[in-house]
Amino acid sequence: MAKILLSIPDDLLEKIDRTKDAKKIKRNQFIINAVEKYFLMLWEEDYFERKKRALESMKKTREKIMSLGIKDWDPVAEIRRLRDGRADELLERWKET
């Protein structure tokens, strides 16, 4: 395991120490947990942003299809198919890291 030297403001260290004492964990474990949660939050933000862009793209595609007169295309089923496949792929990738 690597060791690092980290400088943080005194008031933040006090908050860390109060919380780690309440949780009965070591300071380094508290920081490791916090970093892991931060990475998860970043991953979730990225996931939901991609999902939003995919939905916007799907809406544009639907509009194009409808303008061509194609009436039997089910955009909801298409979104579900793409969402389910993409979510599984992202979850597998996240487990690997």
C-alpha atoms as a PDB file:
ATOM      1  CA  MET A   1       0.000   0.000   0.000  1.00  0.00           C
ATOM      2  CA  ALA A   2       1.318   3.433  -0.935  1.00  0.00           C
ATOM      3  CA  LYS A   3       1.755   6.197   1.594  1.00  0.00           C
ATOM      4  CA  ILE A   4       1.156   9.858   0.839  1.00  0.00           C
ATOM      5  CA  LEU A   5       1.721  13.130   2.636  1.00  0.00           C
ATOM      6  CA  LEU A   6      -1.460  15.174   2.665  1.00  0.00           C
ATOM      7  CA  SER A   7      -1.960  18.751   3.831  1.00  0.00           C
ATOM      8  CA  ILE A   8      -5.501  19.774   4.737  1.00  0.00           C
ATOM      9  CA  PRO A   9      -6.966  22.694   6.677  1.00  0.00           C
ATOM     10  CA  ASP A  10      -7.113  22.285  10.452  1.00  0.00           C
ATOM     11  CA  ASP A  11     -10.882  22.736  10.618  1.00  0.00           C
ATOM     12  CA  LEU A  12     -11.401  19.963   8.057  1.00  0.00           C
ATOM     13  CA  LEU A  13      -9.095  17.662  10.034  1.00  0.00           C
ATOM     14  CA  GLU A  14     -11.140  18.368  13.157  1.00  0.00           C
ATOM     15  CA  LYS A  15     -14.327  17.359  11.312  1.00  0.00           C
ATOM     16  CA  ILE A  16     -12.631  14.192  10.074  1.00  0.00           C
ATOM     17  CA  ASP A  17     -11.426  13.316  13.559  1.00  0.00           C
ATOM     18  CA  ARG A  18     -14.850  13.904  15.145  1.00  0.00           C
ATOM     19  CA  THR A  19     -16.536  11.754  12.543  1.00  0.00           C
ATOM     20  CA  LYS A  20     -13.984   8.944  12.537  1.00  0.00           C
ATOM     21  CA  ASP A  21     -14.178   8.813  16.338  1.00  0.00           C
ATOM     22  CA  ALA A  22     -17.976   8.584  16.187  1.00  0.00           C
ATOM     23  CA  LYS A  23     -17.731   5.834  13.556  1.00  0.00           C
ATOM     24  CA  LYS A  24     -14.888   4.126  15.453  1.00  0.00           C
ATOM     25  CA  ILE A  25     -12.605   3.874  12.447  1.00  0.00           C
ATOM     26  CA  LYS A  26      -9.063   5.035  11.798  1.00  0.00           C
ATOM     27  CA  ARG A  27      -8.374   8.329  10.069  1.00  0.00           C
ATOM     28  CA  ASN A  28      -6.830   6.671   7.026  1.00  0.00           C
ATOM     29  CA  GLN A  29      -9.876   4.400   6.643  1.00  0.00           C
ATOM     30  CA  PHE A  30     -12.156   7.425   6.861  1.00  0.00           C
ATOM     31  CA  ILE A  31     -10.219   9.139   4.059  1.00  0.00           C
ATOM     32  CA  ILE A  32     -10.167   5.961   1.929  1.00  0.00           C
ATOM     33  CA  ASN A  33     -13.953   5.621   2.371  1.00  0.00           C
ATOM     34  CA  ALA A  34     -14.471   9.283   1.463  1.00  0.00           C
ATOM     35  CA  VAL A  35     -12.375   8.987  -1.708  1.00  0.00           C
ATOM     36  CA  GLU A  36     -14.189   5.808  -2.750  1.00  0.00           C
ATOM     37  CA  LYS A  37     -17.562   7.530  -2.242  1.00  0.00           C
ATOM     38  CA  TYR A  38     -16.336  10.495  -4.284  1.00  0.00           C
ATOM     39  CA  PHE A  39     -15.331   8.220  -7.164  1.00  0.00           C
ATOM     40  CA  LEU A  40     -18.745   6.552  -7.000  1.00  0.00           C
ATOM     41  CA  MET A  41     -20.432   9.964  -7.108  1.00  0.00           C
ATOM     42  CA  LEU A  42     -18.357  10.935 -10.171  1.00  0.00           C
ATOM     43  CA  TRP A  43     -19.253   7.645 -11.859  1.00  0.00           C
ATOM     44  CA  GLU A  44     -22.956   8.202 -11.136  1.00  0.00           C
ATOM     45  CA  GLU A  45     -22.826  11.761 -12.492  1.00  0.00           C
ATOM     46  CA  ASP A  46     -21.174  10.490 -15.653  1.00  0.00           C
ATOM     47  CA  TYR A  47     -23.670   7.648 -15.991  1.00  0.00           C
ATOM     48  CA  PHE A  48     -26.710   9.896 -15.643  1.00  0.00           C
ATOM     49  CA  GLU A  49     -25.264  12.501 -18.015  1.00  0.00           C
ATOM     50  CA  ARG A  50     -24.719   9.806 -20.646  1.00  0.00           C
ATOM     51  CA  LYS A  51     -28.232   8.530 -20.039  1.00  0.00           C
ATOM     52  CA  LYS A  52     -29.622  12.038 -20.505  1.00  0.00           C
ATOM     53  CA  ARG A  53     -27.714  12.492 -23.773  1.00  0.00           C
ATOM     54  CA  ALA A  54     -28.917   9.090 -24.984  1.00  0.00           C
ATOM     55  CA  LEU A  55     -32.533  10.026 -24.286  1.00  0.00           C
ATOM     56  CA  GLU A  56     -32.121  13.322 -26.116  1.00  0.00           C
ATOM     57  CA  SER A  57     -30.603  11.490 -29.053  1.00  0.00           C
ATOM     58  CA  MET A  58     -33.456   8.993 -28.991  1.00  0.00           C
ATOM     59  CA  LYS A  59     -36.018  11.813 -29.061  1.00  0.00           C
ATOM     60  CA  LYS A  60     -34.335  13.318 -32.113  1.00  0.00           C
ATOM     61  CA  THR A  61     -34.252   9.931 -33.795  1.00  0.00           C
ATOM     62  CA  ARG A  62     -37.940   9.429 -33.024  1.00  0.00           C
ATOM     63  CA  GLU A  63     -38.777  12.806 -34.547  1.00  0.00           C
ATOM     64  CA  LYS A  64     -36.855  11.884 -37.703  1.00  0.00           C
ATOM     65  CA  ILE A  65     -38.577   8.504 -37.935  1.00  0.00           C
ATOM     66  CA  MET A  66     -42.005  10.020 -37.397  1.00  0.00           C
ATOM     67  CA  SER A  67     -41.300  12.625 -40.084  1.00  0.00           C
ATOM     68  CA  LEU A  68     -40.671   9.740 -42.498  1.00  0.00           C
ATOM     69  CA  GLY A  69     -44.128   8.381 -41.777  1.00  0.00           C
ATOM     70  CA  ILE A  70     -43.041   5.274 -39.864  1.00  0.00           C
ATOM     71  CA  LYS A  71     -45.725   4.701 -37.228  1.00  0.00           C
ATOM     72  CA  ASP A  72     -45.021   1.284 -35.665  1.00  0.00           C
ATOM     73  CA  TRP A  73     -41.634   2.093 -34.056  1.00  0.00           C
ATOM     74  CA  ASP A  74     -41.714   1.800 -30.249  1.00  0.00           C
ATOM     75  CA  PRO A  75     -39.270   4.341 -28.792  1.00  0.00           C
ATOM     76  CA  VAL A  76     -39.892   3.196 -25.201  1.00  0.00           C
ATOM     77  CA  ALA A  77     -38.883  -0.368 -26.005  1.00  0.00           C
ATOM     78  CA  GLU A  78     -35.822   0.907 -27.863  1.00  0.00           C
ATOM     79  CA  ILE A  79     -34.768   3.088 -24.913  1.00  0.00           C
ATOM     80  CA  ARG A  80     -35.210   0.192 -22.492  1.00  0.00           C
ATOM     81  CA  ARG A  81     -33.118  -2.083 -24.683  1.00  0.00           C
ATOM     82  CA  LEU A  82     -30.303   0.465 -24.919  1.00  0.00           C
ATOM     83  CA  ARG A  83     -30.508   1.428 -21.246  1.00  0.00           C
ATOM     84  CA  ASP A  84     -30.428  -2.120 -19.954  1.00  0.00           C
ATOM     85  CA  GLY A  85     -27.479  -3.109 -22.121  1.00  0.00           C
ATOM     86  CA  ARG A  86     -25.508   0.027 -21.296  1.00  0.00           C
ATOM     87  CA  ALA A  87     -26.194  -0.197 -17.557  1.00  0.00           C
ATOM     88  CA  ASP A  88     -24.928  -3.785 -17.418  1.00  0.00           C
ATOM     89  CA  GLU A  89     -21.777  -2.789 -19.290  1.00  0.00           C
ATOM     90  CA  LEU A  90     -21.095   0.161 -16.984  1.00  0.00           C
ATOM     91  CA  LEU A  91     -21.668  -1.872 -13.839  1.00  0.00           C
ATOM     92  CA  GLU A  92     -19.241  -4.558 -15.030  1.00  0.00           C
ATOM     93  CA  ARG A  93     -16.634  -1.907 -15.858  1.00  0.00           C
ATOM     94  CA  TRP A  94     -17.095  -0.294 -12.419  1.00  0.00           C
ATOM     95  CA  LYS A  95     -16.581  -3.661 -10.673  1.00  0.00           C
ATOM     96  CA  GLU A  96     -13.259  -4.082 -12.497  1.00  0.00           C
ATOM     97  CA  THR A  97     -11.827  -0.829 -11.060  1.00  0.00           C
END
